Amino acid sequence: MFGLIAGAAMMLFDLGTYLSGPATFVGPVVYLVYLVLVGIAVAAAMRKKRQNGGFLSFQEGLKCCFTVFVMGLALHVFFIWLLTNVIDTNFKAKLPGVIAANAEEAFRRFGMPEDQIRQTLEAQKKEDPFSLGSLVKGLAYYYIVFFLISLLIAAVVKRKKA
């Protein structure tokens, strides 16, 4: 249930950033949705612990949190794909310019040499970050990162029976 809630919350957040325009949709504000996701996973683990009389094994906590992450992220990625490839392809056409501008700004901020910035931006133009393949690859990376976060949450929330 918490996985579906997380997915719905992430899709609503995605919809809000979509309605705000391309700069918001691919801007730094989008990372706030991951705090919501972590909060929901923690809430799920705490509820499971409460249902078990105040006890939760590490394994149960890990399973609970990671399940929330898997479901929430899968729904999030599917919605992004659906939004950019089926619902509004014109919106998708506006995104590469904004993404390139954001990347160029970040590269300059980190002091990357001009020729390297140019090469990297040219390579990015050849890729579609919203294709199904790119999104699934990104989902796999998300799963790795959020598995580690699940480990951390499970370690903090666990409580063994005496």
C-alpha atoms as a PDB file:
ATOM      1  CA  MET A   1       0.000   0.000   0.000  1.00  0.00           C
ATOM      2  CA  PHE A   2       2.772   2.473   0.886  1.00  0.00           C
ATOM      3  CA  GLY A   3       4.466   1.750  -2.451  1.00  0.00           C
ATOM      4  CA  LEU A   4       1.334   2.808  -4.299  1.00  0.00           C
ATOM      5  CA  ILE A   5       1.034   5.899  -2.114  1.00  0.00           C
ATOM      6  CA  ALA A   6       4.668   6.744  -2.883  1.00  0.00           C
ATOM      7  CA  GLY A   7       4.091   6.238  -6.604  1.00  0.00           C
ATOM      8  CA  ALA A   8       0.964   8.400  -6.556  1.00  0.00           C
ATOM      9  CA  ALA A   9       2.769  11.140  -4.609  1.00  0.00           C
ATOM     10  CA  MET A  10       5.664  11.078  -7.063  1.00  0.00           C
ATOM     11  CA  MET A  11       3.331  11.199 -10.066  1.00  0.00           C
ATOM     12  CA  LEU A  12       1.477  14.185  -8.577  1.00  0.00           C
ATOM     13  CA  PHE A  13       4.802  15.906  -7.987  1.00  0.00           C
ATOM     14  CA  ASP A  14       5.843  15.109 -11.577  1.00  0.00           C
ATOM     15  CA  LEU A  15       2.555  16.512 -12.832  1.00  0.00           C
ATOM     16  CA  GLY A  16       3.129  19.690 -10.837  1.00  0.00           C
ATOM     17  CA  THR A  17       6.617  20.176 -12.274  1.00  0.00           C
ATOM     18  CA  TYR A  18       5.263  19.439 -15.764  1.00  0.00           C
ATOM     19  CA  LEU A  19       2.575  22.094 -15.369  1.00  0.00           C
ATOM     20  CA  SER A  20       5.233  24.544 -14.138  1.00  0.00           C
ATOM     21  CA  GLY A  21       7.182  24.197 -17.383  1.00  0.00           C
ATOM     22  CA  PRO A  22      10.348  22.623 -18.778  1.00  0.00           C
ATOM     23  CA  ALA A  23      12.755  24.551 -16.543  1.00  0.00           C
ATOM     24  CA  THR A  24      11.034  23.224 -13.418  1.00  0.00           C
ATOM     25  CA  PHE A  25      10.500  19.725 -14.844  1.00  0.00           C
ATOM     26  CA  VAL A  26      14.276  19.203 -15.248  1.00  0.00           C
ATOM     27  CA  GLY A  27      15.434  21.705 -12.611  1.00  0.00           C
ATOM     28  CA  PRO A  28      16.861  21.107  -9.161  1.00  0.00           C
ATOM     29  CA  VAL A  29      13.438  21.223  -7.476  1.00  0.00           C
ATOM     30  CA  VAL A  30      12.650  17.746  -8.863  1.00  0.00           C
ATOM     31  CA  TYR A  31      15.019  16.196  -6.326  1.00  0.00           C
ATOM     32  CA  LEU A  32      12.611  17.126  -3.524  1.00  0.00           C
ATOM     33  CA  VAL A  33      10.374  14.251  -4.612  1.00  0.00           C
ATOM     34  CA  TYR A  34      12.988  11.814  -3.327  1.00  0.00           C
ATOM     35  CA  LEU A  35      12.664  13.260   0.175  1.00  0.00           C
ATOM     36  CA  VAL A  36       8.940  12.517  -0.014  1.00  0.00           C
ATOM     37  CA  LEU A  37       9.750   8.978  -1.133  1.00  0.00           C
ATOM     38  CA  VAL A  38      12.158   8.419   1.761  1.00  0.00           C
ATOM     39  CA  GLY A  39       9.598   9.836   4.193  1.00  0.00           C
ATOM     40  CA  ILE A  40       6.954   7.414   2.963  1.00  0.00           C
ATOM     41  CA  ALA A  41       9.381   4.488   3.235  1.00  0.00           C
ATOM     42  CA  VAL A  42      10.230   5.443   6.816  1.00  0.00           C
ATOM     43  CA  ALA A  43       6.509   5.748   7.596  1.00  0.00           C
ATOM     44  CA  ALA A  44       5.941   2.267   6.140  1.00  0.00           C
ATOM     45  CA  ALA A  45       8.716   0.782   8.279  1.00  0.00           C
ATOM     46  CA  MET A  46       7.426   2.498  11.400  1.00  0.00           C
ATOM     47  CA  ARG A  47       3.891   1.249  10.751  1.00  0.00           C
ATOM     48  CA  LYS A  48       5.188  -2.293  10.240  1.00  0.00           C
ATOM     49  CA  LYS A  49       7.108  -1.983  13.504  1.00  0.00           C
ATOM     50  CA  ARG A  50       3.977  -0.771  15.307  1.00  0.00           C
ATOM     51  CA  GLN A  51       1.959  -3.677  13.842  1.00  0.00           C
ATOM     52  CA  ASN A  52       4.579  -6.082  15.209  1.00  0.00           C
ATOM     53  CA  GLY A  53       4.218  -4.773  18.753  1.00  0.00           C
ATOM     54  CA  GLY A  54       7.179  -2.386  18.568  1.00  0.00           C
ATOM     55  CA  PHE A  55       9.585  -4.910  17.088  1.00  0.00           C
ATOM     56  CA  LEU A  56      11.000  -5.067  13.578  1.00  0.00           C
ATOM     57  CA  SER A  57      13.849  -7.214  12.355  1.00  0.00           C
ATOM     58  CA  PHE A  58      16.454  -5.744  10.044  1.00  0.00           C
ATOM     59  CA  GLN A  59      15.281  -8.088   7.278  1.00  0.00           C
ATOM     60  CA  GLU A  60      11.627  -7.060   7.640  1.00  0.00           C
ATOM     61  CA  GLY A  61      12.572  -3.385   7.718  1.00  0.00           C
ATOM     62  CA  LEU A  62      14.724  -3.735   4.621  1.00  0.00           C
ATOM     63  CA  LYS A  63      12.009  -5.597   2.748  1.00  0.00           C
ATOM     64  CA  CYS A  64       9.381  -3.050   3.739  1.00  0.00           C
ATOM     65  CA  CYS A  65      11.437   0.006   2.747  1.00  0.00           C
ATOM     66  CA  PHE A  66      12.829  -1.399  -0.456  1.00  0.00           C
ATOM     67  CA  THR A  67       9.375  -2.518  -1.589  1.00  0.00           C
ATOM     68  CA  VAL A  68       8.140   1.056  -1.185  1.00  0.00           C
ATOM     69  CA  PHE A  69      11.121   2.321  -3.174  1.00  0.00           C
ATOM     70  CA  VAL A  70      10.706  -0.249  -5.960  1.00  0.00           C
ATOM     71  CA  MET A  71       7.021   0.439  -6.438  1.00  0.00           C
ATOM     72  CA  GLY A  72       7.265   4.209  -6.075  1.00  0.00           C
ATOM     73  CA  LEU A  73      10.219   4.575  -8.435  1.00  0.00           C
ATOM     74  CA  ALA A  74       8.712   2.229 -11.033  1.00  0.00           C
ATOM     75  CA  LEU A  75       5.476   4.249 -11.105  1.00  0.00           C
ATOM     76  CA  HIS A  76       7.469   7.498 -11.227  1.00  0.00           C
ATOM     77  CA  VAL A  77       9.606   6.379 -14.165  1.00  0.00           C
ATOM     78  CA  PHE A  78       6.634   4.918 -16.035  1.00  0.00           C
ATOM     79  CA  PHE A  79       4.725   8.195 -15.608  1.00  0.00           C
ATOM     80  CA  ILE A  80       7.694  10.235 -16.869  1.00  0.00           C
ATOM     81  CA  TRP A  81       7.944   7.981 -19.923  1.00  0.00           C
ATOM     82  CA  LEU A  82       4.200   8.174 -20.539  1.00  0.00           C
ATOM     83  CA  LEU A  83       4.152  11.937 -20.120  1.00  0.00           C
ATOM     84  CA  THR A  84       7.081  12.648 -22.427  1.00  0.00           C
ATOM     85  CA  ASN A  85       6.553   9.969 -25.086  1.00  0.00           C
ATOM     86  CA  VAL A  86       2.774   9.559 -25.310  1.00  0.00           C
ATOM     87  CA  ILE A  87       0.844  12.380 -23.640  1.00  0.00           C
ATOM     88  CA  ASP A  88       2.881  15.459 -24.655  1.00  0.00           C
ATOM     89  CA  THR A  89       5.663  14.887 -27.167  1.00  0.00           C
ATOM     90  CA  ASN A  90       5.828  18.659 -27.819  1.00  0.00           C
ATOM     91  CA  PHE A  91       6.832  19.141 -24.190  1.00  0.00           C
ATOM     92  CA  LYS A  92       9.564  16.529 -24.622  1.00  0.00           C
ATOM     93  CA  ALA A  93      10.927  18.481 -27.607  1.00  0.00           C
ATOM     94  CA  LYS A  94      11.468  21.512 -25.345  1.00  0.00           C
ATOM     95  CA  LEU A  95      13.475  19.612 -22.738  1.00  0.00           C
ATOM     96  CA  PRO A  96      16.859  19.031 -24.484  1.00  0.00           C
ATOM     97  CA  GLY A  97      17.630  22.755 -24.661  1.00  0.00           C
ATOM     98  CA  VAL A  98      16.860  23.247 -20.975  1.00  0.00           C
ATOM     99  CA  ILE A  99      18.849  20.150 -20.019  1.00  0.00           C
ATOM    100  CA  ALA A 100      21.839  21.345 -22.070  1.00  0.00           C
ATOM    101  CA  ALA A 101      21.704  24.816 -20.505  1.00  0.00           C
ATOM    102  CA  ASN A 102      21.546  23.314 -16.991  1.00  0.00           C
ATOM    103  CA  ALA A 103      24.442  20.968 -17.764  1.00  0.00           C
ATOM    104  CA  GLU A 104      26.568  23.737 -19.254  1.00  0.00           C
ATOM    105  CA  GLU A 105      25.979  25.925 -16.202  1.00  0.00           C
ATOM    106  CA  ALA A 106      26.971  23.063 -13.885  1.00  0.00           C
ATOM    107  CA  PHE A 107      30.082  22.248 -15.924  1.00  0.00           C
ATOM    108  CA  ARG A 108      31.236  25.888 -15.780  1.00  0.00           C
ATOM    109  CA  ARG A 109      30.535  26.036 -12.052  1.00  0.00           C
ATOM    110  CA  PHE A 110      32.829  23.032 -11.545  1.00  0.00           C
ATOM    111  CA  GLY A 111      35.533  24.574 -13.734  1.00  0.00           C
ATOM    112  CA  MET A 112      35.396  22.141 -16.658  1.00  0.00           C
ATOM    113  CA  PRO A 113      37.496  23.258 -19.661  1.00  0.00           C
ATOM    114  CA  GLU A 114      35.548  24.757 -22.607  1.00  0.00           C
ATOM    115  CA  ASP A 115      36.551  22.054 -25.111  1.00  0.00           C
ATOM    116  CA  GLN A 116      35.435  19.336 -22.711  1.00  0.00           C
ATOM    117  CA  ILE A 117      32.116  21.140 -22.127  1.00  0.00           C
ATOM    118  CA  ARG A 118      31.563  21.330 -25.895  1.00  0.00           C
ATOM    119  CA  GLN A 119      32.359  17.633 -26.370  1.00  0.00           C
ATOM    120  CA  THR A 120      30.099  16.559 -23.527  1.00  0.00           C
ATOM    121  CA  LEU A 121      27.188  18.685 -24.744  1.00  0.00           C
ATOM    122  CA  GLU A 122      27.583  17.301 -28.285  1.00  0.00           C
ATOM    123  CA  ALA A 123      27.499  13.748 -26.920  1.00  0.00           C
ATOM    124  CA  GLN A 124      24.371  14.573 -24.901  1.00  0.00           C
ATOM    125  CA  LYS A 125      22.578  15.817 -28.026  1.00  0.00           C
ATOM    126  CA  LYS A 126      22.790  12.306 -29.486  1.00  0.00           C
ATOM    127  CA  GLU A 127      21.019  10.736 -26.496  1.00  0.00           C
ATOM    128  CA  ASP A 128      17.333  10.751 -25.583  1.00  0.00           C
ATOM    129  CA  PRO A 129      17.148  10.828 -21.774  1.00  0.00           C
ATOM    130  CA  PHE A 130      13.410  10.104 -21.926  1.00  0.00           C
ATOM    131  CA  SER A 131      13.531   6.994 -24.100  1.00  0.00           C
ATOM    132  CA  LEU A 132      12.336   3.794 -22.469  1.00  0.00           C
ATOM    133  CA  GLY A 133      15.878   2.386 -22.477  1.00  0.00           C
ATOM    134  CA  SER A 134      17.381   5.454 -20.815  1.00  0.00           C
ATOM    135  CA  LEU A 135      14.654   5.583 -18.211  1.00  0.00           C
ATOM    136  CA  VAL A 136      14.962   1.871 -17.391  1.00  0.00           C
ATOM    137  CA  LYS A 137      18.730   2.245 -17.052  1.00  0.00           C
ATOM    138  CA  GLY A 138      18.156   5.199 -14.741  1.00  0.00           C
ATOM    139  CA  LEU A 139      15.640   3.125 -12.785  1.00  0.00           C
ATOM    140  CA  ALA A 140      18.284   0.445 -12.239  1.00  0.00           C
ATOM    141  CA  TYR A 141      20.656   3.082 -10.819  1.00  0.00           C
ATOM    142  CA  TYR A 142      17.852   4.401  -8.605  1.00  0.00           C
ATOM    143  CA  TYR A 143      17.271   0.892  -7.280  1.00  0.00           C
ATOM    144  CA  ILE A 144      20.927   0.543  -6.306  1.00  0.00           C
ATOM    145  CA  VAL A 145      21.013   3.899  -4.508  1.00  0.00           C
ATOM    146  CA  PHE A 146      17.682   3.363  -2.779  1.00  0.00           C
ATOM    147  CA  PHE A 147      18.654  -0.148  -1.725  1.00  0.00           C
ATOM    148  CA  LEU A 148      21.519   1.453   0.184  1.00  0.00           C
ATOM    149  CA  ILE A 149      19.085   3.953   1.697  1.00  0.00           C
ATOM    150  CA  SER A 150      16.815   1.018   2.610  1.00  0.00           C
ATOM    151  CA  LEU A 151      19.731  -0.596   4.437  1.00  0.00           C
ATOM    152  CA  LEU A 152      20.243   2.575   6.423  1.00  0.00           C
ATOM    153  CA  ILE A 153      16.567   2.971   7.299  1.00  0.00           C
ATOM    154  CA  ALA A 154      16.263  -0.702   8.286  1.00  0.00           C
ATOM    155  CA  ALA A 155      19.318  -0.415  10.532  1.00  0.00           C
ATOM    156  CA  VAL A 156      17.902   2.641  12.296  1.00  0.00           C
ATOM    157  CA  VAL A 157      14.314   1.365  12.668  1.00  0.00           C
ATOM    158  CA  LYS A 158      15.029  -2.245  13.683  1.00  0.00           C
ATOM    159  CA  ARG A 159      14.341  -3.462  17.170  1.00  0.00           C
ATOM    160  CA  LYS A 160      14.875  -7.066  18.217  1.00  0.00           C
ATOM    161  CA  LYS A 161      12.744  -8.924  20.691  1.00  0.00           C
ATOM    162  CA  ALA A 162      14.552  -9.425  23.966  1.00  0.00           C
END
